Amino acid sequence: MKYNANNDYSPEKHAEFINWLTQSTLEALKVAEGDSTKLRAAIEHYIRIASSANLELEEIENILGVNEPCIMDLAELSETDEEIVIDAFEQLIAL
């Protein structure tokens, strides 16, 4: 889904994009469950899409693991997989 936060100020479009991004990331995490390489790739894809939509880093982080419901809660990953996702996120945003 195409979206650019710098050009589209519609709250409805923003919410639609966030919902789409959340659902697509959830699907990718479910498929990747138990596979650290695929989990990292799913988070890398999430960050790439969110960044290309010009979402602020704080919002990207909140959608993944702070806001309720967040992707991490909805994914219902094992504790080990959650640690992999968090580590991958922290490493990728530090680049």
PDB file of N, CA and C in Angstrom:
ATOM      1  N   MET A   1       0.837  -1.167   0.000  1.00  0.00           N
ATOM      2  CA  MET A   1       0.000   0.000   0.000  1.00  0.00           C
ATOM      3  C   MET A   1       0.889   1.240   0.000  1.00  0.00           C
ATOM      4  N   LYS A   2       0.599   2.157  -0.864  1.00  0.00           N
ATOM      5  CA  LYS A   2       1.361   3.405  -0.942  1.00  0.00           C
ATOM      6  C   LYS A   2       0.802   4.412   0.044  1.00  0.00           C
ATOM      7  N   TYR A   3       1.711   5.040   0.791  1.00  0.00           N
ATOM      8  CA  TYR A   3       1.322   6.083   1.731  1.00  0.00           C
ATOM      9  C   TYR A   3       2.565   6.911   2.039  1.00  0.00           C
ATOM     10  N   ASN A   4       2.372   8.212   2.203  1.00  0.00           N
ATOM     11  CA  ASN A   4       3.460   9.095   2.571  1.00  0.00           C
ATOM     12  C   ASN A   4       2.935  10.083   3.604  1.00  0.00           C
ATOM     13  N   ALA A   5       3.400   9.955   4.819  1.00  0.00           N
ATOM     14  CA  ALA A   5       2.930  10.807   5.913  1.00  0.00           C
ATOM     15  C   ALA A   5       3.241  12.277   5.681  1.00  0.00           C
ATOM     16  N   ASN A   6       4.252  12.563   4.859  1.00  0.00           N
ATOM     17  CA  ASN A   6       4.604  13.954   4.574  1.00  0.00           C
ATOM     18  C   ASN A   6       3.646  14.613   3.596  1.00  0.00           C
ATOM     19  N   ASN A   7       2.914  13.813   2.824  1.00  0.00           N
ATOM     20  CA  ASN A   7       2.027  14.358   1.797  1.00  0.00           C
ATOM     21  C   ASN A   7       0.550  14.121   2.053  1.00  0.00           C
ATOM     22  N   ASP A   8       0.236  13.136   2.862  1.00  0.00           N
ATOM     23  CA  ASP A   8      -1.161  12.789   3.091  1.00  0.00           C
ATOM     24  C   ASP A   8      -1.506  13.010   4.554  1.00  0.00           C
ATOM     25  N   TYR A   9      -2.279  14.032   4.806  1.00  0.00           N
ATOM     26  CA  TYR A   9      -2.610  14.410   6.184  1.00  0.00           C
ATOM     27  C   TYR A   9      -3.943  13.848   6.651  1.00  0.00           C
ATOM     28  N   SER A  10      -4.543  13.002   5.839  1.00  0.00           N
ATOM     29  CA  SER A  10      -5.838  12.422   6.177  1.00  0.00           C
ATOM     30  C   SER A  10      -5.691  11.406   7.312  1.00  0.00           C
ATOM     31  N   PRO A  11      -6.370  11.628   8.436  1.00  0.00           N
ATOM     32  CA  PRO A  11      -6.299  10.645   9.531  1.00  0.00           C
ATOM     33  C   PRO A  11      -6.819   9.273   9.102  1.00  0.00           C
ATOM     34  N   GLU A  12      -7.796   9.259   8.202  1.00  0.00           N
ATOM     35  CA  GLU A  12      -8.340   7.983   7.729  1.00  0.00           C
ATOM     36  C   GLU A  12      -7.303   7.212   6.917  1.00  0.00           C
ATOM     37  N   LYS A  13      -6.587   7.908   6.027  1.00  0.00           N
ATOM     38  CA  LYS A  13      -5.555   7.245   5.212  1.00  0.00           C
ATOM     39  C   LYS A  13      -4.417   6.750   6.107  1.00  0.00           C
ATOM     40  N   HIS A  14      -4.065   7.560   7.086  1.00  0.00           N
ATOM     41  CA  HIS A  14      -3.006   7.179   8.010  1.00  0.00           C
ATOM     42  C   HIS A  14      -3.405   5.907   8.769  1.00  0.00           C
ATOM     43  N   ALA A  15      -4.610   5.896   9.296  1.00  0.00           N
ATOM     44  CA  ALA A  15      -5.106   4.729  10.033  1.00  0.00           C
ATOM     45  C   ALA A  15      -5.185   3.502   9.130  1.00  0.00           C
ATOM     46  N   GLU A  16      -5.612   3.694   7.896  1.00  0.00           N
ATOM     47  CA  GLU A  16      -5.691   2.584   6.943  1.00  0.00           C
ATOM     48  C   GLU A  16      -4.302   2.013   6.671  1.00  0.00           C
ATOM     49  N   PHE A  17      -3.312   2.891   6.508  1.00  0.00           N
ATOM     50  CA  PHE A  17      -1.947   2.435   6.269  1.00  0.00           C
ATOM     51  C   PHE A  17      -1.407   1.677   7.484  1.00  0.00           C
ATOM     52  N   ILE A  18      -1.621   2.227   8.680  1.00  0.00           N
ATOM     53  CA  ILE A  18      -1.130   1.578   9.901  1.00  0.00           C
ATOM     54  C   ILE A  18      -1.772   0.199  10.057  1.00  0.00           C
ATOM     55  N   ASN A  19      -3.052   0.100   9.786  1.00  0.00           N
ATOM     56  CA  ASN A  19      -3.739  -1.189   9.859  1.00  0.00           C
ATOM     57  C   ASN A  19      -3.139  -2.168   8.852  1.00  0.00           C
ATOM     58  N   TRP A  20      -2.929  -1.715   7.631  1.00  0.00           N
ATOM     59  CA  TRP A  20      -2.341  -2.572   6.595  1.00  0.00           C
ATOM     60  C   TRP A  20      -0.935  -3.012   7.004  1.00  0.00           C
ATOM     61  N   LEU A  21      -0.131  -2.064   7.469  1.00  0.00           N
ATOM     62  CA  LEU A  21       1.242  -2.373   7.878  1.00  0.00           C
ATOM     63  C   LEU A  21       1.248  -3.366   9.043  1.00  0.00           C
ATOM     64  N   THR A  22       0.371  -3.159   9.990  1.00  0.00           N
ATOM     65  CA  THR A  22       0.257  -4.060  11.135  1.00  0.00           C
ATOM     66  C   THR A  22      -0.115  -5.463  10.683  1.00  0.00           C
ATOM     67  N   GLN A  23      -1.134  -5.574   9.852  1.00  0.00           N
ATOM     68  CA  GLN A  23      -1.590  -6.890   9.392  1.00  0.00           C
ATOM     69  C   GLN A  23      -0.529  -7.605   8.561  1.00  0.00           C
ATOM     70  N   SER A  24       0.129  -6.881   7.664  1.00  0.00           N
ATOM     71  CA  SER A  24       1.144  -7.527   6.826  1.00  0.00           C
ATOM     72  C   SER A  24       2.349  -7.959   7.660  1.00  0.00           C
ATOM     73  N   THR A  25       2.697  -7.171   8.669  1.00  0.00           N
ATOM     74  CA  THR A  25       3.804  -7.547   9.544  1.00  0.00           C
ATOM     75  C   THR A  25       3.426  -8.738  10.410  1.00  0.00           C
ATOM     76  N   LEU A  26       2.203  -8.750  10.904  1.00  0.00           N
ATOM     77  CA  LEU A  26       1.727  -9.905  11.683  1.00  0.00           C
ATOM     78  C   LEU A  26       1.815 -11.186  10.865  1.00  0.00           C
ATOM     79  N   GLU A  27       1.358 -11.133   9.626  1.00  0.00           N
ATOM     80  CA  GLU A  27       1.417 -12.307   8.747  1.00  0.00           C
ATOM     81  C   GLU A  27       2.851 -12.774   8.560  1.00  0.00           C
ATOM     82  N   ALA A  28       3.757 -11.830   8.328  1.00  0.00           N
ATOM     83  CA  ALA A  28       5.164 -12.180   8.122  1.00  0.00           C
ATOM     84  C   ALA A  28       5.767 -12.792   9.379  1.00  0.00           C
ATOM     85  N   LEU A  29       5.418 -12.258  10.547  1.00  0.00           N
ATOM     86  CA  LEU A  29       5.941 -12.814  11.794  1.00  0.00           C
ATOM     87  C   LEU A  29       5.388 -14.206  12.065  1.00  0.00           C
ATOM     88  N   LYS A  30       4.134 -14.423  11.760  1.00  0.00           N
ATOM     89  CA  LYS A  30       3.536 -15.753  11.958  1.00  0.00           C
ATOM     90  C   LYS A  30       4.232 -16.794  11.082  1.00  0.00           C
ATOM     91  N   VAL A  31       4.500 -16.430   9.838  1.00  0.00           N
ATOM     92  CA  VAL A  31       5.188 -17.340   8.914  1.00  0.00           C
ATOM     93  C   VAL A  31       6.618 -17.602   9.385  1.00  0.00           C
ATOM     94  N   ALA A  32       7.235 -16.589   9.985  1.00  0.00           N
ATOM     95  CA  ALA A  32       8.634 -16.678  10.389  1.00  0.00           C
ATOM     96  C   ALA A  32       8.843 -17.319  11.753  1.00  0.00           C
ATOM     97  N   GLU A  33       7.785 -17.604  12.459  1.00  0.00           N
ATOM     98  CA  GLU A  33       7.873 -18.117  13.819  1.00  0.00           C
ATOM     99  C   GLU A  33       8.895 -19.244  13.931  1.00  0.00           C
ATOM    100  N   GLY A  34       9.812 -19.096  14.900  1.00  0.00           N
ATOM    101  CA  GLY A  34      10.820 -20.121  15.138  1.00  0.00           C
ATOM    102  C   GLY A  34      12.040 -20.033  14.245  1.00  0.00           C
ATOM    103  N   ASP A  35      12.085 -19.088  13.321  1.00  0.00           N
ATOM    104  CA  ASP A  35      13.200 -18.948  12.381  1.00  0.00           C
ATOM    105  C   ASP A  35      13.784 -17.544  12.519  1.00  0.00           C
ATOM    106  N   SER A  36      14.924 -17.435  13.181  1.00  0.00           N
ATOM    107  CA  SER A  36      15.503 -16.124  13.480  1.00  0.00           C
ATOM    108  C   SER A  36      15.816 -15.313  12.221  1.00  0.00           C
ATOM    109  N   THR A  37      16.238 -15.957  11.160  1.00  0.00           N
ATOM    110  CA  THR A  37      16.549 -15.245   9.921  1.00  0.00           C
ATOM    111  C   THR A  37      15.288 -14.632   9.314  1.00  0.00           C
ATOM    112  N   LYS A  38      14.208 -15.403   9.306  1.00  0.00           N
ATOM    113  CA  LYS A  38      12.953 -14.896   8.757  1.00  0.00           C
ATOM    114  C   LYS A  38      12.330 -13.829   9.653  1.00  0.00           C
ATOM    115  N   LEU A  39      12.478 -13.981  10.963  1.00  0.00           N
ATOM    116  CA  LEU A  39      11.969 -12.961  11.886  1.00  0.00           C
ATOM    117  C   LEU A  39      12.687 -11.640  11.659  1.00  0.00           C
ATOM    118  N   ARG A  40      13.991 -11.704  11.527  1.00  0.00           N
ATOM    119  CA  ARG A  40      14.779 -10.487  11.268  1.00  0.00           C
ATOM    120  C   ARG A  40      14.371  -9.870   9.932  1.00  0.00           C
ATOM    121  N   ALA A  41      14.176 -10.696   8.924  1.00  0.00           N
ATOM    122  CA  ALA A  41      13.759 -10.185   7.613  1.00  0.00           C
ATOM    123  C   ALA A  41      12.385  -9.514   7.696  1.00  0.00           C
ATOM    124  N   ALA A  42      11.487 -10.085   8.489  1.00  0.00           N
ATOM    125  CA  ALA A  42      10.153  -9.496   8.646  1.00  0.00           C
ATOM    126  C   ALA A  42      10.245  -8.122   9.294  1.00  0.00           C
ATOM    127  N   ILE A  43      11.103  -7.979  10.292  1.00  0.00           N
ATOM    128  CA  ILE A  43      11.264  -6.691  10.963  1.00  0.00           C
ATOM    129  C   ILE A  43      11.983  -5.702  10.058  1.00  0.00           C
ATOM    130  N   GLU A  44      12.949  -6.182   9.308  1.00  0.00           N
ATOM    131  CA  GLU A  44      13.636  -5.308   8.351  1.00  0.00           C
ATOM    132  C   GLU A  44      12.638  -4.769   7.323  1.00  0.00           C
ATOM    133  N   HIS A  45      11.774  -5.627   6.848  1.00  0.00           N
ATOM    134  CA  HIS A  45      10.742  -5.213   5.887  1.00  0.00           C
ATOM    135  C   HIS A  45       9.794  -4.198   6.525  1.00  0.00           C
ATOM    136  N   TYR A  46       9.374  -4.462   7.752  1.00  0.00           N
ATOM    137  CA  TYR A  46       8.507  -3.544   8.491  1.00  0.00           C
ATOM    138  C   TYR A  46       9.137  -2.158   8.592  1.00  0.00           C
ATOM    139  N   ILE A  47      10.392  -2.111   9.005  1.00  0.00           N
ATOM    140  CA  ILE A  47      11.082  -0.824   9.154  1.00  0.00           C
ATOM    141  C   ILE A  47      11.221  -0.132   7.807  1.00  0.00           C
ATOM    142  N   ARG A  48      11.570  -0.885   6.774  1.00  0.00           N
ATOM    143  CA  ARG A  48      11.742  -0.298   5.436  1.00  0.00           C
ATOM    144  C   ARG A  48      10.440   0.323   4.942  1.00  0.00           C
ATOM    145  N   ILE A  49       9.331  -0.391   5.070  1.00  0.00           N
ATOM    146  CA  ILE A  49       8.040   0.115   4.608  1.00  0.00           C
ATOM    147  C   ILE A  49       7.612   1.333   5.423  1.00  0.00           C
ATOM    148  N   ALA A  50       7.736   1.238   6.745  1.00  0.00           N
ATOM    149  CA  ALA A  50       7.345   2.351   7.614  1.00  0.00           C
ATOM    150  C   ALA A  50       8.212   3.581   7.361  1.00  0.00           C
ATOM    151  N   SER A  51       9.495   3.376   7.163  1.00  0.00           N
ATOM    152  CA  SER A  51      10.396   4.497   6.883  1.00  0.00           C
ATOM    153  C   SER A  51      10.122   5.119   5.525  1.00  0.00           C
ATOM    154  N   SER A  52       9.834   4.296   4.533  1.00  0.00           N
ATOM    155  CA  SER A  52       9.554   4.833   3.200  1.00  0.00           C
ATOM    156  C   SER A  52       8.245   5.613   3.178  1.00  0.00           C
ATOM    157  N   ALA A  53       7.370   5.352   4.147  1.00  0.00           N
ATOM    158  CA  ALA A  53       6.122   6.109   4.277  1.00  0.00           C
ATOM    159  C   ALA A  53       6.343   7.377   5.104  1.00  0.00           C
ATOM    160  N   ASN A  54       7.588   7.598   5.501  1.00  0.00           N
ATOM    161  CA  ASN A  54       7.980   8.770   6.290  1.00  0.00           C
ATOM    162  C   ASN A  54       7.310   8.833   7.661  1.00  0.00           C
ATOM    163  N   LEU A  55       7.081   7.661   8.257  1.00  0.00           N
ATOM    164  CA  LEU A  55       6.612   7.643   9.635  1.00  0.00           C
ATOM    165  C   LEU A  55       7.795   7.997  10.528  1.00  0.00           C
ATOM    166  N   GLU A  56       7.535   8.667  11.615  1.00  0.00           N
ATOM    167  CA  GLU A  56       8.595   9.010  12.548  1.00  0.00           C
ATOM    168  C   GLU A  56       9.026   7.761  13.304  1.00  0.00           C
ATOM    169  N   LEU A  57      10.292   7.738  13.705  1.00  0.00           N
ATOM    170  CA  LEU A  57      10.839   6.570  14.397  1.00  0.00           C
ATOM    171  C   LEU A  57      10.021   6.220  15.635  1.00  0.00           C
ATOM    172  N   GLU A  58       9.594   7.214  16.372  1.00  0.00           N
ATOM    173  CA  GLU A  58       8.794   6.960  17.570  1.00  0.00           C
ATOM    174  C   GLU A  58       7.502   6.221  17.222  1.00  0.00           C
ATOM    175  N   GLU A  59       6.853   6.612  16.140  1.00  0.00           N
ATOM    176  CA  GLU A  59       5.624   5.934  15.737  1.00  0.00           C
ATOM    177  C   GLU A  59       5.915   4.508  15.281  1.00  0.00           C
ATOM    178  N   ILE A  60       7.002   4.317  14.554  1.00  0.00           N
ATOM    179  CA  ILE A  60       7.393   2.984  14.086  1.00  0.00           C
ATOM    180  C   ILE A  60       7.611   2.064  15.289  1.00  0.00           C
ATOM    181  N   GLU A  61       8.284   2.581  16.292  1.00  0.00           N
ATOM    182  CA  GLU A  61       8.541   1.808  17.509  1.00  0.00           C
ATOM    183  C   GLU A  61       7.241   1.541  18.270  1.00  0.00           C
ATOM    184  N   ASN A  62       6.377   2.538  18.364  1.00  0.00           N
ATOM    185  CA  ASN A  62       5.115   2.375  19.093  1.00  0.00           C
ATOM    186  C   ASN A  62       4.206   1.350  18.441  1.00  0.00           C
ATOM    187  N   ILE A  63       4.142   1.351  17.140  1.00  0.00           N
ATOM    188  CA  ILE A  63       3.296   0.389  16.430  1.00  0.00           C
ATOM    189  C   ILE A  63       3.798  -1.034  16.668  1.00  0.00           C
ATOM    190  N   LEU A  64       5.109  -1.187  16.682  1.00  0.00           N
ATOM    191  CA  LEU A  64       5.680  -2.523  16.874  1.00  0.00           C
ATOM    192  C   LEU A  64       5.490  -3.037  18.291  1.00  0.00           C
ATOM    193  N   GLY A  65       5.733  -2.174  19.293  1.00  0.00           N
ATOM    194  CA  GLY A  65       5.740  -2.754  20.620  1.00  0.00           C
ATOM    195  C   GLY A  65       5.274  -1.918  21.788  1.00  0.00           C
ATOM    196  N   VAL A  66       4.664  -0.770  21.552  1.00  0.00           N
ATOM    197  CA  VAL A  66       4.262   0.062  22.677  1.00  0.00           C
ATOM    198  C   VAL A  66       2.755   0.277  22.709  1.00  0.00           C
ATOM    199  N   ASN A  67       2.201   0.764  21.628  1.00  0.00           N
ATOM    200  CA  ASN A  67       0.757   1.053  21.586  1.00  0.00           C
ATOM    201  C   ASN A  67      -0.056  -0.220  21.772  1.00  0.00           C
ATOM    202  N   GLU A  68      -1.231  -0.065  22.293  1.00  0.00           N
ATOM    203  CA  GLU A  68      -2.151  -1.205  22.440  1.00  0.00           C
ATOM    204  C   GLU A  68      -3.221  -1.111  21.374  1.00  0.00           C
ATOM    205  N   PRO A  69      -3.506  -2.089  20.615  1.00  0.00           N
ATOM    206  CA  PRO A  69      -2.748  -3.331  20.531  1.00  0.00           C
ATOM    207  C   PRO A  69      -1.518  -3.123  19.651  1.00  0.00           C
ATOM    208  N   CYS A  70      -0.400  -3.654  20.051  1.00  0.00           N
ATOM    209  CA  CYS A  70       0.819  -3.529  19.257  1.00  0.00           C
ATOM    210  C   CYS A  70       1.068  -4.847  18.514  1.00  0.00           C
ATOM    211  N   ILE A  71       1.923  -4.760  17.533  1.00  0.00           N
ATOM    212  CA  ILE A  71       2.241  -5.936  16.717  1.00  0.00           C
ATOM    213  C   ILE A  71       2.790  -7.068  17.582  1.00  0.00           C
ATOM    214  N   MET A  72       3.648  -6.731  18.526  1.00  0.00           N
ATOM    215  CA  MET A  72       4.250  -7.768  19.365  1.00  0.00           C
ATOM    216  C   MET A  72       3.183  -8.524  20.160  1.00  0.00           C
ATOM    217  N   ASP A  73       2.198  -7.827  20.679  1.00  0.00           N
ATOM    218  CA  ASP A  73       1.122  -8.495  21.413  1.00  0.00           C
ATOM    219  C   ASP A  73       0.269  -9.352  20.480  1.00  0.00           C
ATOM    220  N   LEU A  74      -0.086  -8.792  19.342  1.00  0.00           N
ATOM    221  CA  LEU A  74      -0.962  -9.485  18.402  1.00  0.00           C
ATOM    222  C   LEU A  74      -0.302 -10.726  17.798  1.00  0.00           C
ATOM    223  N   ALA A  75       1.009 -10.694  17.641  1.00  0.00           N
ATOM    224  CA  ALA A  75       1.724 -11.820  17.019  1.00  0.00           C
ATOM    225  C   ALA A  75       1.771 -13.047  17.920  1.00  0.00           C
ATOM    226  N   GLU A  76       1.665 -12.841  19.231  1.00  0.00           N
ATOM    227  CA  GLU A  76       1.705 -13.947  20.184  1.00  0.00           C
ATOM    228  C   GLU A  76       2.911 -14.860  19.958  1.00  0.00           C
ATOM    229  N   LEU A  77       4.082 -14.241  19.838  1.00  0.00           N
ATOM    230  CA  LEU A  77       5.314 -14.991  19.618  1.00  0.00           C
ATOM    231  C   LEU A  77       5.813 -15.588  20.930  1.00  0.00           C
ATOM    232  N   SER A  78       6.659 -16.572  20.792  1.00  0.00           N
ATOM    233  CA  SER A  78       7.307 -17.125  21.981  1.00  0.00           C
ATOM    234  C   SER A  78       8.247 -16.063  22.547  1.00  0.00           C
ATOM    235  N   GLU A  79       8.650 -16.254  23.777  1.00  0.00           N
ATOM    236  CA  GLU A  79       9.572 -15.304  24.411  1.00  0.00           C
ATOM    237  C   GLU A  79      10.880 -15.218  23.625  1.00  0.00           C
ATOM    238  N   THR A  80      11.364 -16.345  23.153  1.00  0.00           N
ATOM    239  CA  THR A  80      12.599 -16.377  22.362  1.00  0.00           C
ATOM    240  C   THR A  80      12.430 -15.581  21.076  1.00  0.00           C
ATOM    241  N   ASP A  81      11.323 -15.793  20.359  1.00  0.00           N
ATOM    242  CA  ASP A  81      11.083 -15.066  19.116  1.00  0.00           C
ATOM    243  C   ASP A  81      10.904 -13.570  19.374  1.00  0.00           C
ATOM    244  N   GLU A  82      10.266 -13.219  20.471  1.00  0.00           N
ATOM    245  CA  GLU A  82      10.114 -11.804  20.818  1.00  0.00           C
ATOM    246  C   GLU A  82      11.475 -11.156  21.026  1.00  0.00           C
ATOM    247  N   GLU A  83      12.373 -11.852  21.697  1.00  0.00           N
ATOM    248  CA  GLU A  83      13.722 -11.326  21.913  1.00  0.00           C
ATOM    249  C   GLU A  83      14.446 -11.131  20.587  1.00  0.00           C
ATOM    250  N   ILE A  84      14.282 -12.063  19.658  1.00  0.00           N
ATOM    251  CA  ILE A  84      14.905 -11.944  18.339  1.00  0.00           C
ATOM    252  C   ILE A  84      14.361 -10.713  17.622  1.00  0.00           C
ATOM    253  N   VAL A  85      13.051 -10.523  17.659  1.00  0.00           N
ATOM    254  CA  VAL A  85      12.417  -9.380  16.999  1.00  0.00           C
ATOM    255  C   VAL A  85      12.904  -8.070  17.609  1.00  0.00           C
ATOM    256  N   ILE A  86      12.935  -8.002  18.924  1.00  0.00           N
ATOM    257  CA  ILE A  86      13.376  -6.770  19.604  1.00  0.00           C
ATOM    258  C   ILE A  86      14.836  -6.477  19.287  1.00  0.00           C
ATOM    259  N   ASP A  87      15.678  -7.488  19.352  1.00  0.00           N
ATOM    260  CA  ASP A  87      17.094  -7.306  19.026  1.00  0.00           C
ATOM    261  C   ASP A  87      17.268  -6.839  17.584  1.00  0.00           C
ATOM    262  N   ALA A  88      16.542  -7.468  16.665  1.00  0.00           N
ATOM    263  CA  ALA A  88      16.646  -7.082  15.256  1.00  0.00           C
ATOM    264  C   ALA A  88      16.186  -5.635  15.072  1.00  0.00           C
ATOM    265  N   PHE A  89      15.092  -5.265  15.703  1.00  0.00           N
ATOM    266  CA  PHE A  89      14.596  -3.904  15.592  1.00  0.00           C
ATOM    267  C   PHE A  89      15.649  -2.916  16.093  1.00  0.00           C
ATOM    268  N   GLU A  90      16.199  -3.168  17.266  1.00  0.00           N
ATOM    269  CA  GLU A  90      17.176  -2.258  17.846  1.00  0.00           C
ATOM    270  C   GLU A  90      18.430  -2.158  16.973  1.00  0.00           C
ATOM    271  N   GLN A  91      18.877  -3.261  16.424  1.00  0.00           N
ATOM    272  CA  GLN A  91      20.059  -3.243  15.552  1.00  0.00           C
ATOM    273  C   GLN A  91      19.776  -2.473  14.265  1.00  0.00           C
ATOM    274  N   LEU A  92      18.599  -2.698  13.693  1.00  0.00           N
ATOM    275  CA  LEU A  92      18.280  -2.065  12.407  1.00  0.00           C
ATOM    276  C   LEU A  92      18.031  -0.565  12.525  1.00  0.00           C
ATOM    277  N   ILE A  93      17.446  -0.123  13.612  1.00  0.00           N
ATOM    278  CA  ILE A  93      17.216   1.321  13.734  1.00  0.00           C
ATOM    279  C   ILE A  93      18.496   2.061  14.102  1.00  0.00           C
ATOM    280  N   ALA A  94      19.498   1.328  14.589  1.00  0.00           N
ATOM    281  CA  ALA A  94      20.764   1.948  14.944  1.00  0.00           C
ATOM    282  C   ALA A  94      21.635   2.209  13.714  1.00  0.00           C
ATOM    283  N   LEU A  95      21.298   1.619  12.591  1.00  0.00           N
ATOM    284  CA  LEU A  95      22.106   1.765  11.370  1.00  0.00           C
ATOM    285  C   LEU A  95      22.005   3.144  10.785  1.00  0.00           C
TER     286      LEU A  95
END
